[in-house]
Protein backbone atom coordinates (compact mmCIF):
# COMPACT_ATOMS: atom_id res chain seq x y z
CA MET A 1 1.96 6.00 -11.35
CA SER A 2 -1.45 5.34 -9.79
CA GLU A 3 -1.41 1.68 -10.79
CA ALA A 4 2.16 1.24 -9.52
CA LEU A 5 1.18 2.71 -6.14
CA GLU A 6 -1.86 0.41 -5.98
CA GLN A 7 0.26 -2.63 -6.75
CA VAL A 8 3.01 -1.83 -4.24
CA VAL A 9 0.41 -1.53 -1.46
CA ILE A 10 -1.19 -4.83 -2.49
CA ALA A 11 2.28 -6.44 -2.57
CA MET A 12 2.92 -5.24 0.99
CA PHE A 13 -0.26 -6.94 2.19
CA GLY A 14 0.75 -10.03 0.21
CA TYR A 15 3.72 -10.40 2.57
CA MET A 16 1.32 -10.42 5.51
CA THR A 17 -1.07 -13.13 4.31
CA GLU A 18 -2.26 -15.06 1.26
CA LEU A 19 -4.42 -12.50 -0.49
CA ASP A 20 -6.70 -15.10 -2.08
CA THR A 21 -8.06 -15.76 1.43
CA VAL A 22 -9.12 -12.11 1.83
CA ASP A 23 -12.68 -11.13 0.97
CA ILE A 24 -13.97 -7.60 0.57
CA ASP A 25 -16.26 -6.41 3.34
CA ARG A 26 -17.60 -3.04 2.15
CA SER A 27 -18.06 -1.91 5.77
CA ARG A 28 -14.24 -2.12 6.18
CA THR A 29 -13.49 0.10 3.14
CA PHE A 30 -11.42 3.13 4.10
CA THR A 31 -9.69 6.11 2.54
CA ILE A 32 -6.16 7.33 3.17
CA GLU A 33 -4.58 10.63 2.25
CA ALA A 34 -0.83 10.87 1.95
CA LYS A 35 1.47 13.78 1.27
CA GLY A 36 5.20 14.03 0.60
CA HIS A 37 7.81 16.50 -0.55
CA ASP A 38 9.17 14.23 -3.32
CA MET A 39 8.29 10.87 -4.88
CA HIS A 40 10.13 8.79 -2.26
CA SER A 41 8.51 10.55 0.68
CA LEU A 42 5.11 10.22 -1.00
CA LEU A 43 5.61 6.50 -1.56
CA PHE A 44 6.73 6.11 2.06
CA ALA A 45 3.66 8.05 3.28
CA VAL A 46 1.22 5.96 1.22
CA LEU A 47 2.62 2.66 2.48
CA ASP A 48 2.88 3.98 6.03
CA GLU A 49 -0.78 5.09 6.04
CA PHE A 50 -1.93 1.64 4.92
CA LEU A 51 0.34 -0.09 7.45
CA PHE A 52 -0.94 2.22 10.20
CA HIS A 53 -4.55 1.40 9.28
CA PHE A 54 -3.76 -2.33 9.42
CA SER A 55 -2.10 -1.91 12.82
CA THR A 56 -4.90 0.14 14.35
CA GLU A 57 -8.02 -1.23 12.63
CA ASP A 58 -6.95 -4.83 11.81
CA THR A 59 -8.06 -4.42 8.20
CA ILE A 60 -6.16 -6.59 5.73
CA VAL A 61 -6.36 -5.15 2.22
CA ARG A 62 -6.87 -7.13 -0.97
CA ASP A 63 -7.54 -4.29 -3.38
CA VAL A 64 -6.49 -0.64 -3.59
CA ARG A 65 -7.75 2.17 -5.78
CA VAL A 66 -5.90 5.45 -6.08
CA THR A 67 -8.65 8.04 -6.50
CA ASP A 68 -6.39 11.09 -6.77
CA CYS A 69 -2.70 11.26 -7.61
CA ASP A 70 -1.13 14.72 -7.85
CA LEU A 71 2.56 14.33 -8.60
CA HIS A 72 3.15 18.08 -8.75
CA SER A 73 2.21 18.62 -5.12
CA PHE A 74 2.99 14.99 -4.12
CA LYS A 75 -0.46 14.11 -2.76
CA VAL A 76 -2.35 10.83 -3.06
CA THR A 77 -5.81 9.78 -1.99
CA ALA A 78 -6.53 6.05 -2.10
CA ARG A 79 -9.16 3.58 -0.93
CA GLY A 80 -8.44 0.23 0.64
CA PHE A 81 -10.78 -2.75 0.28
CA GLY A 82 -10.56 -5.83 2.46
CA GLU A 83 -11.77 -7.30 5.70
CA ARG A 84 -10.86 -7.74 9.34
CA PHE A 85 -7.66 -9.77 9.74
CA ASP A 86 -8.47 -13.12 11.35
CA LEU A 87 -5.75 -15.72 12.04
CA ALA A 88 -8.38 -18.47 11.80
CA LYS A 89 -8.99 -17.46 8.17
CA HIS A 90 -5.83 -15.68 7.01
CA PRO A 91 -2.51 -17.54 7.19
CA GLN A 92 0.02 -15.39 8.97
CA GLY A 93 2.82 -14.32 6.71
CA THR A 94 5.59 -11.90 7.57
CA GLU A 95 4.86 -9.15 10.06
CA ILE A 96 5.85 -5.78 8.66
CA LYS A 97 7.00 -3.44 11.39
CA ALA A 98 7.80 -0.36 9.31
CA ILE A 99 8.42 1.08 5.89
CA THR A 100 12.01 2.14 5.17
CA TYR A 101 13.79 4.47 2.77
CA SER A 102 16.62 1.93 2.46
CA ASN A 103 17.32 1.45 -1.25
CA MET A 104 13.84 2.80 -2.14
CA GLN A 105 13.64 3.25 -5.90
CA VAL A 106 11.07 4.59 -8.36
CA HIS A 107 11.86 4.17 -12.05
CA THR A 108 9.68 5.54 -14.84
CA ASP A 109 10.29 4.52 -18.45
CA LYS A 110 9.71 7.74 -20.39
CA LYS A 111 8.87 5.86 -23.61
CA THR A 112 6.31 3.41 -22.24
CA GLY A 113 5.23 5.14 -19.01
CA ARG A 114 5.91 1.94 -17.09
CA VAL A 115 6.72 2.55 -13.42
CA ASP A 116 8.77 0.13 -11.33
CA ILE A 117 8.89 0.60 -7.57
CA TYR A 118 11.31 -1.06 -5.16
CA VAL A 119 10.80 -0.85 -1.41
CA ILE A 120 12.46 -2.67 1.48
CA VAL A 121 10.30 -3.06 4.57
CA ASP A 122 11.39 -3.68 8.16
CA ILE A 123 10.23 -7.10 9.36
């Protein structure tokens, strides 16, 4: 689940710009903590925390590491790595206004452990 959460956050930022243009500035590294009451609300909270940080701190994320993932109490701690968003450097992609619950899906294959996440964002 940790890797799936990391990848869905990176995919969200991939809508916003071309991630190969984003470097990692260690001074812009930050930590988020998210909490939910079920898997969907936890996923929403994780994405919303990263989107909020982008909106308030102008940090575009290229890499994410989940440092703690407690699926019994639906809590996640994660670190975001990137740099300050700069239109002169980062091509503007699609502006994401909000995360939505619309058709949100989390599928876990019990045999392989593979997790697939589907999220629709408001643009």
